[in-house]
N, C-alpha and C. Protein backbone atom coordinates (compact mmCIF):
# COMPACT_ATOMS: atom_id res chain seq x y z
N MET A 1 137.79 70.88 81.28
CA MET A 1 139.21 70.99 81.58
C MET A 1 139.97 71.12 80.26
N THR A 2 141.03 71.89 80.29
CA THR A 2 141.87 72.13 79.13
C THR A 2 142.64 70.85 78.78
N LYS A 3 142.82 70.60 77.52
CA LYS A 3 143.57 69.41 77.09
C LYS A 3 145.06 69.67 77.17
N SER A 4 145.81 68.62 77.48
CA SER A 4 147.27 68.75 77.53
C SER A 4 147.81 68.82 76.10
N ILE A 5 149.04 69.34 75.99
CA ILE A 5 149.63 69.49 74.65
C ILE A 5 150.76 68.51 74.38
N ALA A 6 151.22 67.80 75.40
CA ALA A 6 152.34 66.88 75.21
C ALA A 6 151.87 65.45 75.43
N THR A 7 152.50 64.53 74.74
CA THR A 7 152.15 63.13 74.92
C THR A 7 153.12 62.45 75.89
N LYS A 8 154.34 62.93 76.00
CA LYS A 8 155.35 62.38 76.91
C LYS A 8 155.14 62.98 78.30
N LEU A 9 155.16 62.16 79.32
CA LEU A 9 155.04 62.66 80.68
C LEU A 9 156.30 63.44 81.04
N MET A 10 156.09 64.58 81.67
CA MET A 10 157.19 65.45 82.04
C MET A 10 157.48 65.33 83.53
N THR A 11 158.73 65.56 83.89
CA THR A 11 159.12 65.69 85.29
C THR A 11 159.07 67.17 85.64
N LEU A 12 159.22 67.48 86.93
CA LEU A 12 159.30 68.89 87.32
C LEU A 12 160.48 69.57 86.64
N GLU A 13 161.60 68.85 86.52
CA GLU A 13 162.78 69.42 85.85
C GLU A 13 162.49 69.71 84.38
N ASP A 14 161.83 68.78 83.68
CA ASP A 14 161.44 69.02 82.28
C ASP A 14 160.57 70.27 82.19
N TYR A 15 159.61 70.36 83.08
CA TYR A 15 158.68 71.49 83.10
C TYR A 15 159.41 72.82 83.31
N LEU A 16 160.33 72.83 84.25
CA LEU A 16 161.07 74.06 84.54
C LEU A 16 161.94 74.49 83.36
N ASN A 17 162.38 73.53 82.56
CA ASN A 17 163.22 73.85 81.41
C ASN A 17 162.44 74.02 80.12
N TYR A 18 161.13 73.83 80.15
CA TYR A 18 160.31 73.88 78.94
C TYR A 18 160.12 75.33 78.48
N ASP A 19 160.31 75.53 77.20
CA ASP A 19 160.07 76.84 76.58
C ASP A 19 159.63 76.60 75.15
N ASP A 20 158.37 76.97 74.85
CA ASP A 20 157.88 76.77 73.49
C ASP A 20 157.98 78.04 72.66
N GLY A 21 158.62 79.09 73.21
CA GLY A 21 158.82 80.33 72.47
C GLY A 21 157.59 81.21 72.39
N THR A 22 156.55 80.89 73.19
CA THR A 22 155.35 81.72 73.21
C THR A 22 155.16 82.31 74.60
N ASP A 23 154.12 83.13 74.75
CA ASP A 23 153.78 83.68 76.06
C ASP A 23 152.74 82.83 76.78
N THR A 24 152.44 81.65 76.26
CA THR A 24 151.44 80.77 76.86
C THR A 24 151.91 80.35 78.25
N ARG A 25 150.99 80.44 79.22
CA ARG A 25 151.27 79.98 80.58
C ARG A 25 150.79 78.55 80.72
N TYR A 26 151.54 77.75 81.49
CA TYR A 26 151.21 76.34 81.66
C TYR A 26 151.24 75.97 83.14
N GLU A 27 150.49 74.91 83.45
CA GLU A 27 150.64 74.19 84.70
C GLU A 27 151.04 72.78 84.31
N LEU A 28 151.73 72.11 85.21
CA LEU A 28 152.06 70.70 85.01
C LEU A 28 151.10 69.89 85.86
N VAL A 29 150.27 69.07 85.22
CA VAL A 29 149.26 68.31 85.93
C VAL A 29 149.47 66.83 85.63
N ASN A 30 149.89 66.10 86.66
CA ASN A 30 150.16 64.67 86.51
C ASN A 30 151.08 64.38 85.33
N GLY A 31 152.13 65.18 85.20
CA GLY A 31 153.13 64.98 84.17
C GLY A 31 152.76 65.54 82.81
N GLN A 32 151.55 66.08 82.67
CA GLN A 32 151.09 66.63 81.40
C GLN A 32 151.13 68.15 81.43
N LEU A 33 151.60 68.75 80.37
CA LEU A 33 151.65 70.20 80.23
C LEU A 33 150.26 70.69 79.85
N MET A 34 149.68 71.55 80.70
CA MET A 34 148.32 72.04 80.47
C MET A 34 148.35 73.56 80.29
N PRO A 35 147.89 74.07 79.13
CA PRO A 35 147.83 75.52 78.95
C PRO A 35 146.82 76.13 79.91
N ILE A 36 147.16 77.28 80.46
CA ILE A 36 146.26 78.02 81.34
C ILE A 36 145.64 79.14 80.52
N PRO A 37 144.32 79.28 80.56
CA PRO A 37 143.70 80.38 79.83
C PRO A 37 144.21 81.72 80.35
N PRO A 38 144.26 82.74 79.49
CA PRO A 38 144.70 84.06 79.95
C PRO A 38 143.77 84.56 81.06
N GLU A 39 144.36 85.25 82.04
CA GLU A 39 143.58 85.82 83.13
C GLU A 39 142.81 87.03 82.63
N SER A 40 141.64 87.24 83.19
CA SER A 40 140.84 88.41 82.83
C SER A 40 141.41 89.65 83.52
N TYR A 41 141.03 90.79 83.02
CA TYR A 41 141.45 92.06 83.62
C TYR A 41 140.97 92.13 85.07
N LEU A 42 139.73 91.67 85.33
CA LEU A 42 139.19 91.68 86.69
C LEU A 42 140.03 90.80 87.61
N ASN A 43 140.43 89.62 87.16
CA ASN A 43 141.25 88.75 87.98
C ASN A 43 142.58 89.40 88.33
N HIS A 44 143.19 90.07 87.35
CA HIS A 44 144.45 90.81 87.62
C HIS A 44 144.22 91.92 88.64
N GLN A 45 143.11 92.62 88.51
CA GLN A 45 142.81 93.70 89.46
C GLN A 45 142.65 93.16 90.88
N ILE A 46 141.96 92.04 91.02
CA ILE A 46 141.76 91.45 92.34
C ILE A 46 143.10 91.04 92.96
N ALA A 47 143.93 90.35 92.20
CA ALA A 47 145.24 89.92 92.72
C ALA A 47 146.10 91.14 93.07
N SER A 48 146.07 92.17 92.23
CA SER A 48 146.85 93.39 92.49
C SER A 48 146.35 94.12 93.73
N PHE A 49 145.02 94.19 93.88
CA PHE A 49 144.44 94.82 95.07
C PHE A 49 144.90 94.11 96.34
N LEU A 50 144.82 92.77 96.33
CA LEU A 50 145.22 92.01 97.51
C LEU A 50 146.72 92.17 97.79
N PHE A 51 147.53 92.20 96.74
CA PHE A 51 148.97 92.43 96.89
C PHE A 51 149.20 93.76 97.62
N ALA A 52 148.56 94.83 97.14
CA ALA A 52 148.71 96.16 97.75
C ALA A 52 148.18 96.16 99.19
N TYR A 53 147.07 95.48 99.42
CA TYR A 53 146.49 95.42 100.76
C TYR A 53 147.45 94.72 101.73
N PHE A 54 148.03 93.60 101.30
CA PHE A 54 148.97 92.89 102.16
C PHE A 54 150.21 93.74 102.46
N LEU A 55 150.65 94.52 101.48
CA LEU A 55 151.76 95.45 101.74
C LEU A 55 151.38 96.45 102.82
N GLN A 56 150.16 96.98 102.74
CA GLN A 56 149.68 97.93 103.75
C GLN A 56 149.59 97.29 105.13
N LEU A 57 149.33 96.01 105.18
CA LEU A 57 149.28 95.29 106.46
C LEU A 57 150.66 95.08 107.06
N GLY A 58 151.70 95.37 106.27
CA GLY A 58 153.07 95.23 106.76
C GLY A 58 153.78 93.98 106.31
N ILE A 59 153.18 93.21 105.42
CA ILE A 59 153.87 92.04 104.90
C ILE A 59 154.93 92.53 103.91
N PRO A 60 156.19 92.18 104.10
CA PRO A 60 157.25 92.67 103.21
C PRO A 60 157.04 92.21 101.76
N TYR A 61 157.41 93.06 100.83
CA TYR A 61 157.22 92.79 99.40
C TYR A 61 157.84 91.46 98.97
N TYR A 62 158.98 91.08 99.55
CA TYR A 62 159.67 89.87 99.13
C TYR A 62 158.95 88.60 99.58
N ARG A 63 157.94 88.76 100.44
CA ARG A 63 157.14 87.60 100.85
C ARG A 63 155.84 87.48 100.06
N LEU A 64 155.64 88.36 99.07
CA LEU A 64 154.44 88.33 98.23
C LEU A 64 154.84 87.96 96.81
N SER A 65 154.07 87.08 96.19
CA SER A 65 154.38 86.67 94.84
C SER A 65 153.11 86.46 94.03
N ILE A 66 153.04 87.12 92.89
CA ILE A 66 151.95 86.90 91.95
C ILE A 66 152.44 85.88 90.92
N GLY A 67 151.70 84.79 90.79
CA GLY A 67 152.05 83.79 89.79
C GLY A 67 153.06 82.75 90.23
N ALA A 68 153.35 82.66 91.52
CA ALA A 68 154.27 81.62 91.99
C ALA A 68 153.69 80.25 91.68
N GLN A 69 154.57 79.30 91.50
CA GLN A 69 154.15 77.92 91.25
C GLN A 69 154.45 77.08 92.48
N ILE A 70 153.60 76.09 92.68
CA ILE A 70 153.71 75.24 93.86
C ILE A 70 153.70 73.78 93.41
N ALA A 71 154.74 73.05 93.74
CA ALA A 71 154.77 71.61 93.46
C ALA A 71 153.81 70.94 94.42
N VAL A 72 152.88 70.15 93.87
CA VAL A 72 151.88 69.47 94.67
C VAL A 72 151.85 68.00 94.28
N SER A 73 151.15 67.20 95.06
CA SER A 73 151.10 65.77 94.76
C SER A 73 150.11 65.49 93.64
N GLY A 74 150.40 64.44 92.90
CA GLY A 74 149.54 63.97 91.83
C GLY A 74 150.02 62.58 91.45
N TYR A 75 149.39 61.98 90.45
CA TYR A 75 149.84 60.67 89.99
C TYR A 75 151.26 60.77 89.45
N GLN A 76 151.54 61.87 88.77
CA GLN A 76 152.87 62.19 88.26
C GLN A 76 153.20 63.60 88.75
N ALA A 77 154.29 64.15 88.29
CA ALA A 77 154.71 65.49 88.71
C ALA A 77 153.62 66.52 88.40
N THR A 78 153.33 67.39 89.39
CA THR A 78 152.32 68.42 89.24
C THR A 78 152.82 69.72 89.85
N ALA A 79 152.66 70.82 89.12
CA ALA A 79 153.00 72.15 89.62
C ALA A 79 151.86 73.08 89.26
N ARG A 80 151.29 73.72 90.26
CA ARG A 80 150.16 74.62 90.06
C ARG A 80 150.62 76.06 90.12
N GLN A 81 150.06 76.89 89.25
CA GLN A 81 150.37 78.31 89.25
C GLN A 81 149.26 79.03 90.01
N SER A 82 149.64 79.79 91.00
CA SER A 82 148.68 80.51 91.83
C SER A 82 148.55 81.96 91.37
N ASP A 83 147.49 82.61 91.83
CA ASP A 83 147.31 84.03 91.52
C ASP A 83 148.12 84.91 92.47
N LEU A 84 148.16 84.54 93.75
CA LEU A 84 148.91 85.31 94.74
C LEU A 84 149.30 84.38 95.87
N VAL A 85 150.53 84.52 96.33
CA VAL A 85 151.04 83.71 97.44
C VAL A 85 151.69 84.62 98.47
N VAL A 86 151.40 84.33 99.74
CA VAL A 86 152.13 84.95 100.83
C VAL A 86 153.11 83.89 101.33
N LEU A 87 154.38 84.19 101.18
CA LEU A 87 155.44 83.25 101.55
C LEU A 87 155.79 83.41 103.03
N SER A 88 156.17 82.33 103.65
CA SER A 88 156.78 82.42 104.98
C SER A 88 158.21 82.93 104.79
N GLU A 89 158.83 83.36 105.86
CA GLU A 89 160.24 83.79 105.78
C GLU A 89 161.11 82.66 105.25
N GLU A 90 160.82 81.42 105.71
CA GLU A 90 161.61 80.27 105.30
C GLU A 90 161.51 80.02 103.79
N VAL A 91 160.32 80.14 103.24
CA VAL A 91 160.14 79.91 101.80
C VAL A 91 160.78 81.05 101.02
N ALA A 92 160.61 82.28 101.48
CA ALA A 92 161.23 83.42 100.79
C ALA A 92 162.74 83.24 100.74
N THR A 93 163.33 82.79 101.83
CA THR A 93 164.77 82.55 101.87
C THR A 93 165.15 81.41 100.93
N ALA A 94 164.35 80.34 100.92
CA ALA A 94 164.64 79.18 100.05
C ALA A 94 164.56 79.55 98.57
N LEU A 95 163.70 80.51 98.21
CA LEU A 95 163.54 80.90 96.81
C LEU A 95 164.62 81.87 96.33
N GLU A 96 165.35 82.48 97.27
CA GLU A 96 166.41 83.42 96.89
C GLU A 96 167.42 82.72 95.98
N GLY A 97 167.71 83.34 94.86
CA GLY A 97 168.72 82.82 93.95
C GLY A 97 168.24 81.71 93.02
N THR A 98 166.98 81.30 93.14
CA THR A 98 166.48 80.27 92.22
C THR A 98 166.09 80.91 90.90
N SER A 99 166.12 80.12 89.84
CA SER A 99 165.79 80.67 88.52
C SER A 99 164.29 80.65 88.25
N GLN A 100 163.54 79.87 89.01
CA GLN A 100 162.08 79.77 88.84
C GLN A 100 161.40 80.10 90.16
N ASP A 101 160.20 80.66 90.06
CA ASP A 101 159.38 80.95 91.24
C ASP A 101 158.55 79.72 91.55
N LEU A 102 159.23 78.62 91.93
CA LEU A 102 158.58 77.34 92.20
C LEU A 102 158.87 76.91 93.62
N ILE A 103 157.81 76.71 94.38
CA ILE A 103 157.94 76.20 95.75
C ILE A 103 157.95 74.68 95.63
N THR A 104 159.12 74.09 95.83
CA THR A 104 159.31 72.66 95.65
C THR A 104 158.94 71.89 96.92
N TYR A 105 158.91 70.56 96.79
CA TYR A 105 158.55 69.70 97.92
C TYR A 105 159.49 69.83 99.10
N ASP A 106 160.76 70.14 98.84
CA ASP A 106 161.72 70.22 99.94
C ASP A 106 161.65 71.55 100.68
N MET A 107 160.74 72.44 100.27
CA MET A 107 160.53 73.73 100.95
C MET A 107 159.26 73.63 101.78
N PRO A 108 159.20 74.42 102.86
CA PRO A 108 157.94 74.45 103.60
C PRO A 108 156.83 75.04 102.73
N PRO A 109 155.57 74.79 103.07
CA PRO A 109 154.49 75.36 102.27
C PRO A 109 154.41 76.88 102.49
N PRO A 110 153.81 77.61 101.53
CA PRO A 110 153.59 79.03 101.74
C PRO A 110 152.57 79.24 102.86
N SER A 111 152.52 80.45 103.41
CA SER A 111 151.57 80.76 104.48
C SER A 111 150.14 80.85 103.96
N LEU A 112 149.98 81.41 102.76
CA LEU A 112 148.65 81.63 102.19
C LEU A 112 148.74 81.54 100.67
N VAL A 113 147.76 80.87 100.06
CA VAL A 113 147.61 80.85 98.62
C VAL A 113 146.25 81.43 98.29
N VAL A 114 146.22 82.37 97.32
CA VAL A 114 144.97 82.96 96.87
C VAL A 114 144.78 82.59 95.40
N GLU A 115 143.63 82.01 95.11
CA GLU A 115 143.26 81.72 93.72
C GLU A 115 142.04 82.56 93.38
N VAL A 116 142.08 83.22 92.23
CA VAL A 116 140.94 83.97 91.71
C VAL A 116 140.33 83.12 90.61
N VAL A 117 139.08 82.73 90.78
CA VAL A 117 138.41 81.81 89.87
C VAL A 117 138.20 82.46 88.51
N SER A 118 138.57 81.74 87.47
CA SER A 118 138.34 82.16 86.09
C SER A 118 137.12 81.43 85.55
N PRO A 119 136.41 82.04 84.60
CA PRO A 119 135.25 81.36 84.01
C PRO A 119 135.64 80.00 83.44
N LYS A 120 134.80 79.02 83.67
CA LYS A 120 134.96 77.65 83.19
C LYS A 120 136.17 76.93 83.80
N GLN A 121 136.71 77.49 84.88
CA GLN A 121 137.85 76.87 85.57
C GLN A 121 137.52 76.58 87.04
N GLU A 122 136.24 76.58 87.37
CA GLU A 122 135.82 76.43 88.76
C GLU A 122 136.34 75.15 89.40
N ASN A 123 136.26 74.02 88.68
CA ASN A 123 136.73 72.74 89.24
C ASN A 123 138.20 72.80 89.61
N ARG A 124 138.99 73.50 88.81
CA ARG A 124 140.43 73.59 89.07
C ARG A 124 140.68 74.22 90.44
N ASP A 125 139.98 75.32 90.75
CA ASP A 125 140.24 76.04 91.99
C ASP A 125 139.48 75.47 93.19
N TYR A 126 138.22 75.10 93.00
CA TYR A 126 137.40 74.61 94.11
C TYR A 126 137.69 73.16 94.46
N ARG A 127 138.06 72.36 93.51
CA ARG A 127 138.20 70.93 93.75
C ARG A 127 139.64 70.46 93.72
N TYR A 128 140.29 70.58 92.55
CA TYR A 128 141.61 69.99 92.38
C TYR A 128 142.67 70.70 93.23
N LYS A 129 142.72 72.01 93.13
CA LYS A 129 143.75 72.73 93.90
C LYS A 129 143.49 72.61 95.40
N ARG A 130 142.23 72.57 95.79
CA ARG A 130 141.92 72.42 97.22
C ARG A 130 142.53 71.13 97.75
N THR A 131 142.34 70.05 97.03
CA THR A 131 142.89 68.75 97.44
C THR A 131 144.42 68.78 97.43
N GLU A 132 144.98 69.35 96.38
CA GLU A 132 146.44 69.39 96.24
C GLU A 132 147.08 70.28 97.30
N TYR A 133 146.47 71.43 97.59
CA TYR A 133 147.01 72.32 98.62
C TYR A 133 146.85 71.70 100.01
N ALA A 134 145.78 70.94 100.21
CA ALA A 134 145.61 70.24 101.49
C ALA A 134 146.73 69.22 101.69
N ALA A 135 147.09 68.52 100.62
CA ALA A 135 148.17 67.54 100.72
C ALA A 135 149.50 68.20 101.10
N ARG A 136 149.68 69.46 100.70
CA ARG A 136 150.89 70.22 101.08
C ARG A 136 150.72 70.88 102.45
N GLN A 137 149.53 70.75 103.05
CA GLN A 137 149.22 71.34 104.35
C GLN A 137 149.45 72.85 104.36
N ILE A 138 149.01 73.50 103.29
CA ILE A 138 149.11 74.97 103.22
C ILE A 138 148.14 75.53 104.25
N PRO A 139 148.63 76.35 105.19
CA PRO A 139 147.82 76.79 106.32
C PRO A 139 146.53 77.53 105.95
N GLU A 140 146.57 78.29 104.87
CA GLU A 140 145.38 79.04 104.50
C GLU A 140 145.30 79.15 102.98
N TYR A 141 144.09 78.94 102.46
CA TYR A 141 143.82 78.96 101.02
C TYR A 141 142.54 79.74 100.80
N TRP A 142 142.64 80.82 100.01
CA TRP A 142 141.46 81.63 99.69
C TRP A 142 141.06 81.37 98.25
N ILE A 143 139.78 81.19 98.03
CA ILE A 143 139.23 81.09 96.68
C ILE A 143 138.35 82.33 96.49
N VAL A 144 138.84 83.27 95.70
CA VAL A 144 138.11 84.49 95.42
C VAL A 144 137.36 84.27 94.12
N ASP A 145 136.04 84.30 94.21
CA ASP A 145 135.20 83.98 93.05
C ASP A 145 134.38 85.20 92.63
N PRO A 146 134.87 85.95 91.63
CA PRO A 146 134.12 87.12 91.18
C PRO A 146 132.87 86.74 90.39
N ILE A 147 132.76 85.49 90.00
CA ILE A 147 131.60 85.02 89.23
C ILE A 147 130.42 84.76 90.17
N ALA A 148 130.68 84.16 91.34
CA ALA A 148 129.61 83.74 92.26
C ALA A 148 128.79 84.87 92.89
N PRO A 149 129.20 85.99 93.33
CA PRO A 149 130.50 86.39 93.90
C PRO A 149 130.62 85.99 95.38
N LYS A 150 131.77 85.44 95.73
CA LYS A 150 132.01 85.04 97.11
C LYS A 150 133.51 84.80 97.31
N VAL A 151 133.89 84.76 98.57
CA VAL A 151 135.25 84.41 98.94
C VAL A 151 135.15 83.23 99.91
N THR A 152 135.86 82.17 99.59
CA THR A 152 135.91 81.00 100.45
C THR A 152 137.29 80.98 101.10
N VAL A 153 137.29 80.98 102.43
CA VAL A 153 138.53 80.94 103.19
C VAL A 153 138.64 79.56 103.82
N LEU A 154 139.74 78.88 103.49
CA LEU A 154 140.00 77.54 104.01
C LEU A 154 141.20 77.63 104.94
N GLU A 155 141.00 77.20 106.19
CA GLU A 155 142.09 77.20 107.18
C GLU A 155 142.40 75.77 107.57
N TRP A 156 143.71 75.44 107.60
CA TRP A 156 144.16 74.11 107.94
C TRP A 156 144.09 73.92 109.45
N VAL A 157 143.18 73.03 109.88
CA VAL A 157 142.98 72.78 111.31
C VAL A 157 142.93 71.27 111.53
N ASP A 158 143.84 70.76 112.33
CA ASP A 158 143.85 69.34 112.70
C ASP A 158 143.75 68.41 111.49
N GLY A 159 144.51 68.71 110.44
CA GLY A 159 144.60 67.81 109.30
C GLY A 159 143.52 67.97 108.24
N LEU A 160 142.65 68.96 108.37
CA LEU A 160 141.60 69.20 107.38
C LEU A 160 141.41 70.70 107.20
N TYR A 161 140.85 71.09 106.05
CA TYR A 161 140.48 72.48 105.85
C TYR A 161 139.12 72.74 106.46
N GLU A 162 139.05 73.79 107.30
CA GLU A 162 137.77 74.31 107.76
C GLU A 162 137.42 75.46 106.85
N GLU A 163 136.17 75.48 106.41
CA GLU A 163 135.74 76.41 105.37
C GLU A 163 134.80 77.47 105.93
N GLN A 164 135.05 78.71 105.53
CA GLN A 164 134.16 79.83 105.84
C GLN A 164 133.91 80.57 104.53
N VAL A 165 132.65 80.79 104.19
CA VAL A 165 132.30 81.46 102.94
C VAL A 165 131.77 82.85 103.26
N TYR A 166 132.30 83.84 102.56
CA TYR A 166 131.86 85.23 102.72
C TYR A 166 131.27 85.74 101.43
């Protein structure tokens, strides 16, 4: 796991206002600012392909987001950055006019979150985010793993994720 860069615990508000003047991407994990490794070209291609595919299925562009952040439960404030999110109409409306692409606790969960696994980040997507997304009761969570290669589809059923691996 990547080491945090700050010693002071941050709130979601601190995180949203944080700017270190670089292009480094971060997640907030239990109040700690954690740098996210750069995405590979393949990961970008997969997220872009799925974005285009969902558009072809008729999902409106304003309900699709690459890189949206989702506030999730943790010991302290936690916000995870996803590869692709399909928003419900309610979430898309709630995000209108906001300065950050952050789905907060007071908003309903997104309809679908897609994570594309990066090398040496498997625990983040298979373990930590799975637990955190379950706590938000996100109806569907896909883990696209180009390393394995496989796609794990998790559907929220009766308070638990049911898993199907393709």
